[in-house]
Amino acid sequence: THLSFRSEFTSAVELKQVAQQDVEKQRFLVEKTEQSRQANVIAVEDDAHAADLIGKALDEVGDSLIELRRIETAEGIANQLSKS
């Protein structure tokens, strides 16, 4: 037997398929956006943790690091002055 559908039915089936594809595309975009958001949250948490570690390290070292940089700068200036 050969069945022939009316053009309205065929058109409705095609529209339904297109609509289903659109729904799947939107689901994918929502999931992609959510994953991107989660990645951003993780990155911000990592940055905050790194800043905390740096702060703790500076607390432990105190002014020693600043004094070391002053000495290094003074040495650099002294070297430049001795060459001129």
Protein backbone atom coordinates (compact mmCIF):
# COMPACT_ATOMS: atom_id res chain seq x y z
CA THR A 1 0.00 0.00 0.00
CA HIS A 2 1.06 3.50 -0.72
CA LEU A 3 0.07 6.16 1.78
CA SER A 4 -0.05 9.74 0.76
CA PHE A 5 -0.23 12.47 3.37
CA ARG A 6 -1.74 15.83 2.85
CA SER A 7 0.70 18.68 2.49
CA GLU A 8 -0.58 20.25 5.72
CA PHE A 9 0.35 17.12 7.68
CA THR A 10 3.79 16.91 6.08
CA SER A 11 4.34 20.60 6.79
CA ALA A 12 3.26 20.15 10.42
CA VAL A 13 5.69 17.25 10.88
CA GLU A 14 8.51 19.31 9.41
CA LEU A 15 7.66 22.28 11.65
CA LYS A 16 7.64 19.99 14.68
CA GLN A 17 11.09 18.66 13.77
CA VAL A 18 12.43 22.19 13.34
CA ALA A 19 10.93 23.18 16.69
CA GLN A 20 12.54 20.17 18.38
CA GLN A 21 15.90 21.10 16.87
CA ASP A 22 15.48 24.66 18.14
CA VAL A 23 14.71 23.35 21.63
CA GLU A 24 17.83 21.18 21.58
CA LYS A 25 19.92 24.12 20.38
CA GLN A 26 18.58 26.29 23.21
CA ARG A 27 19.30 23.54 25.76
CA PHE A 28 22.85 23.34 24.46
CA LEU A 29 23.29 27.12 24.72
CA VAL A 30 21.93 27.15 28.28
CA GLU A 31 24.26 24.32 29.28
CA LYS A 32 27.22 26.04 27.62
CA THR A 33 26.42 29.30 29.44
CA GLU A 34 26.13 27.47 32.76
CA GLN A 35 29.49 25.75 32.25
CA SER A 36 31.07 29.09 31.38
CA ARG A 37 29.59 30.62 34.53
CA GLN A 38 30.94 27.77 36.64
CA ALA A 39 34.38 28.17 35.07
CA ASN A 40 34.31 31.88 35.92
CA VAL A 41 33.32 31.13 39.53
CA ILE A 42 36.21 28.68 39.83
CA ALA A 43 38.65 31.20 38.34
CA VAL A 44 37.51 33.91 40.76
CA GLU A 45 37.80 31.51 43.70
CA ASP A 46 41.31 30.57 42.58
CA ASP A 47 42.29 34.24 42.26
CA ALA A 48 40.94 34.94 45.74
CA HIS A 49 42.86 31.98 47.14
CA ALA A 50 46.07 33.14 45.45
CA ALA A 51 45.60 36.66 46.83
CA ASP A 52 45.04 35.19 50.29
CA LEU A 53 48.24 33.13 50.03
CA ILE A 54 50.21 36.18 48.89
CA GLY A 55 48.78 38.19 51.77
CA LYS A 56 49.72 35.50 54.27
CA ALA A 57 53.22 35.23 52.80
CA LEU A 58 53.67 38.99 53.07
CA ASP A 59 52.45 38.88 56.67
CA GLU A 60 55.02 36.20 57.46
CA VAL A 61 57.85 37.98 55.69
CA GLY A 62 56.79 41.37 56.98
CA ASP A 63 58.86 44.29 55.82
CA SER A 64 61.81 42.07 54.88
CA LEU A 65 60.75 41.89 51.26
CA ILE A 66 60.37 45.65 51.04
CA GLU A 67 63.79 46.12 52.65
CA LEU A 68 65.32 43.63 50.21
CA ARG A 69 63.86 45.57 47.26
CA ARG A 70 65.26 48.82 48.71
CA ILE A 71 68.71 47.26 48.98
CA GLU A 72 68.52 45.89 45.44
CA THR A 73 67.44 49.29 44.14
CA ALA A 74 70.24 51.03 46.05
CA GLU A 75 72.76 48.57 44.62
CA GLY A 76 71.46 49.24 41.13
CA ILE A 77 71.74 53.00 41.63
CA ALA A 78 75.25 52.62 43.08
CA ASN A 79 76.30 50.53 40.07
CA GLN A 80 74.94 53.14 37.66
CA LEU A 81 76.68 55.96 39.53
CA SER A 82 79.98 54.10 39.60
CA LYS A 83 79.86 53.67 35.81
CA SER A 84 79.35 57.38 35.15
